[in-house]
Amino acid sequence: MFHPAATAVGGGFNPRGFTGCGRTLEMAQKRWWTTPSNADAYENFLKQNIIPQLRSIEGHRGAEILRRDLEDESEFMVINYFESIEAVKRFAGENYTVPVFEPEASKLL
C-alpha cells in the first residue's frame, strides 16, 4: 500500500484530465523505484529540490508523492497537477510525454 510522503513534488508525465474542486486539471504521474537504503535520501531530494522548482512554474497546482516500502525496493509515485497542457509544457517542454528526470536523482534510483 502506498502512503503519502509529501504534498508537492515533481516527476515524469502521463497527462490526463482530472476533475477536482469543480475544475478540470491536467494530471501527470510517474513511478520510480530505488533501494530501501536510498529511499529516505530520494524522498528528501524530492522535497528539498524538486518541490521549490515546481512551485515556481506558472500553472502548477500542486503534487503528491506516494511511497511504498517493500522488502527489496521502495517505490515512489509522483503525481503533479497543472491548470492546462500549456502549464505542463512549461515544465516538461513540447515533448511532455517524456519523463522529466533530474540527473542528480540518478544516483539515488
Protein backbone atom coordinates (compact mmCIF):
# COMPACT_ATOMS: atom_id res chain seq x y z
CA MET A 1 0.00 0.00 0.00
CA PHE A 2 1.24 3.46 -0.88
CA HIS A 3 1.33 6.09 1.81
CA PRO A 4 1.65 9.87 1.38
CA ALA A 5 5.20 11.10 1.63
CA ALA A 6 4.66 14.79 0.83
CA THR A 7 2.31 17.21 -0.88
CA ALA A 8 4.08 18.95 -3.74
CA VAL A 9 6.76 17.42 -5.89
CA GLY A 10 7.86 16.61 -9.45
CA GLY A 11 8.34 13.69 -11.78
CA GLY A 12 7.66 12.44 -15.30
CA PHE A 13 4.42 12.53 -17.18
CA ASN A 14 1.35 10.64 -18.27
CA PRO A 15 -1.08 13.58 -18.62
CA ARG A 16 -4.78 13.01 -18.07
CA GLY A 17 -7.63 15.39 -17.40
CA PHE A 18 -8.58 15.34 -13.71
CA THR A 19 -11.66 16.99 -12.25
CA GLY A 20 -11.29 18.24 -8.72
CA CYS A 21 -12.69 21.16 -6.76
CA GLY A 22 -15.15 21.91 -9.57
CA ARG A 23 -12.50 22.49 -12.24
CA THR A 24 -10.52 20.36 -14.65
CA LEU A 25 -6.79 19.99 -14.05
CA GLU A 26 -4.18 18.15 -16.04
CA MET A 27 -2.67 15.31 -14.04
CA ALA A 28 0.74 13.81 -14.73
CA GLN A 29 2.10 10.79 -12.88
CA LYS A 30 5.28 8.76 -12.92
CA ARG A 31 6.64 5.86 -10.89
CA TRP A 32 10.25 5.48 -9.78
CA TRP A 33 11.98 2.69 -7.84
CA THR A 34 15.01 2.76 -5.56
CA THR A 35 16.70 0.61 -2.96
CA PRO A 36 15.44 0.79 0.63
CA SER A 37 18.81 2.27 1.64
CA ASN A 38 18.31 5.20 -0.79
CA ALA A 39 14.59 5.76 -0.22
CA ASP A 40 14.85 8.39 2.52
CA ALA A 41 17.53 10.30 0.59
CA TYR A 42 15.41 10.23 -2.58
CA GLU A 43 12.32 11.45 -0.70
CA ASN A 44 14.38 14.28 0.82
CA PHE A 45 15.77 15.15 -2.62
CA LEU A 46 12.22 15.49 -3.95
CA LYS A 47 11.12 17.64 -1.02
CA GLN A 48 14.18 19.89 -0.87
CA ASN A 49 15.00 20.29 -4.57
CA ILE A 50 12.04 19.45 -6.78
CA ILE A 51 9.20 21.00 -4.77
CA PRO A 52 10.68 24.51 -4.80
CA GLN A 53 11.24 24.27 -8.58
CA LEU A 54 7.66 23.14 -9.22
CA ARG A 55 6.17 25.88 -7.08
CA SER A 56 7.79 28.47 -9.33
CA ILE A 57 6.15 27.13 -12.53
CA GLU A 58 3.14 29.15 -13.63
CA GLY A 59 0.11 26.87 -13.74
CA HIS A 60 1.45 24.18 -11.37
CA ARG A 61 -1.36 23.50 -8.89
CA GLY A 62 0.22 21.01 -6.52
CA ALA A 63 1.52 17.48 -6.35
CA GLU A 64 1.70 14.35 -4.28
CA ILE A 65 4.46 11.89 -3.52
CA LEU A 66 3.31 8.40 -2.64
CA ARG A 67 5.82 5.93 -1.25
CA ARG A 68 5.62 2.18 -0.83
CA ASP A 69 8.41 0.39 1.02
CA LEU A 70 8.85 -3.28 0.13
CA GLU A 71 11.43 -5.78 1.27
CA ASP A 72 13.90 -5.22 -1.58
CA GLU A 73 12.80 -1.89 -3.09
CA SER A 74 10.95 1.33 -2.41
CA GLU A 75 8.50 2.60 -4.99
CA PHE A 76 7.58 6.25 -5.44
CA MET A 77 4.59 7.51 -7.39
CA VAL A 78 4.75 11.22 -8.11
CA ILE A 79 1.55 12.97 -9.21
CA ASN A 80 1.56 16.56 -10.46
CA TYR A 81 -1.44 18.78 -11.11
CA PHE A 82 -1.39 21.57 -13.71
CA GLU A 83 -4.06 24.01 -14.84
CA SER A 84 -3.51 23.24 -18.55
CA ILE A 85 -1.41 21.35 -21.06
CA GLU A 86 0.40 24.65 -21.65
CA ALA A 87 1.43 24.62 -17.98
CA VAL A 88 2.66 21.01 -18.35
CA LYS A 89 4.75 22.12 -21.32
CA ARG A 90 6.27 24.95 -19.26
CA PHE A 91 7.64 22.23 -17.00
CA ALA A 92 8.37 19.36 -19.39
CA GLY A 93 8.78 21.03 -22.77
CA GLU A 94 6.93 20.37 -26.01
CA ASN A 95 7.51 16.62 -25.76
CA TYR A 96 5.72 16.48 -22.42
CA THR A 97 5.05 12.72 -22.51
CA VAL A 98 8.76 12.08 -21.92
CA PRO A 99 9.61 11.97 -18.18
CA VAL A 100 11.48 14.90 -16.70
CA PHE A 101 14.45 13.41 -14.93
CA GLU A 102 16.88 15.30 -12.72
CA PRO A 103 20.43 13.96 -13.30
CA GLU A 104 21.17 14.19 -9.57
CA ALA A 105 18.36 11.74 -8.89
CA SER A 106 20.06 9.01 -10.95
CA LYS A 107 22.46 8.43 -8.07
CA LEU A 108 19.53 7.52 -5.83
CA LEU A 109 17.40 5.44 -8.22
